[in-house]
Amino acid sequence: MKFNLKFFLAFFLTVVLIACTQTINSNPKVTQSISPNVTLNVSAASDLKYAFEEIGKTFEKESGNKIVFNFGSTGQLAKQIENGAPIDIFAAANKAFIEELDKKGLIITDTKQIYGIGRITLWTREDAKIKIQDIQDLMKPEVKKIAIANPDHAPYGLAAKEALQSAGLWEKVKPKLVLAQNISQAQQYGETGNVDVTISALSLSINKPGNWVLIPEDLHKPLEQMLAVIKDSKHELQSRNFANFINSSQSRNIMKKYGFILPGETHIK
């Protein structure tokens, strides 16, 4: 049989092309650079719900990417990431959780950034007959139930516990406490009238019906909130873009609207 060089070269190139195509399709790190518009999965602390939903809509319009939020308790979200949840960005209510994930090699270290500092409030319904002016008012006999986020895994709940301990009230009000899974659920308990008072996040108290007063910030450790891109993200470039967008001047104005203290700015008094 006569050797056909042209046929051999054509066959060889076809095999190489098929192999390269299969490699690209099986590698999400490669395909992400081909399509600039992707869906980003963002796990975020519950206190960020209103602010981040607004920021997310703005980013979607400007970038063409889609943002899907998973709001919850920071501790529980961190555990999901440790267990391999397909998350691109994690925005925690306490930087300690991001730093712990960094020690475990689960985030991209150079993406860590503080994006805001939270405050806690004493919140009551607009029609509440109980008047709450400071944390000592939680001892009033008409205050039967107080909602806080679970301090075992929710940073805002831990801040509430620290404030109550600093004020010498923790043991005294313990029988009144109703523990919620996260700060958003605690706020919901207050809004539905299932409790008399909620120790809530300023970001959930502000810009809506209800009465609230700030708890002095020196009663608890600062709620320094940090975000980072997850190491296993299949869309690192777009995730970095959204992480940076959260700290952009445009987004900072939105964060300020919801009562967050911004990095480099003076605390609310």
Foldseek 3Di string as FASTA:
>chain_A
DDDDPVVVVVVVVVVVVVVVVVVQVVALLNVLVVDQAEEAEEEEEQLCVVLVVVLQVVCCVVRVHHYDYDYFAQQVVLVCLVVPDQHFKYKHQACVSVVVCVVVVFFDVVLKDFFFWWFKKKWAALPAPQDDDAPVSCLDPVFQAEEAEPLVGHVRRVQVLLLCVLVVHNVVCVNRYDYDRHQVVQVVCRHVPVGGIYGHILLVRPPDGTDIDTHDPVSGDIRGMMMTTTPPHSNNPVSSVSSVSCNDPVSSVSVVNSPTAGPPGDHDD
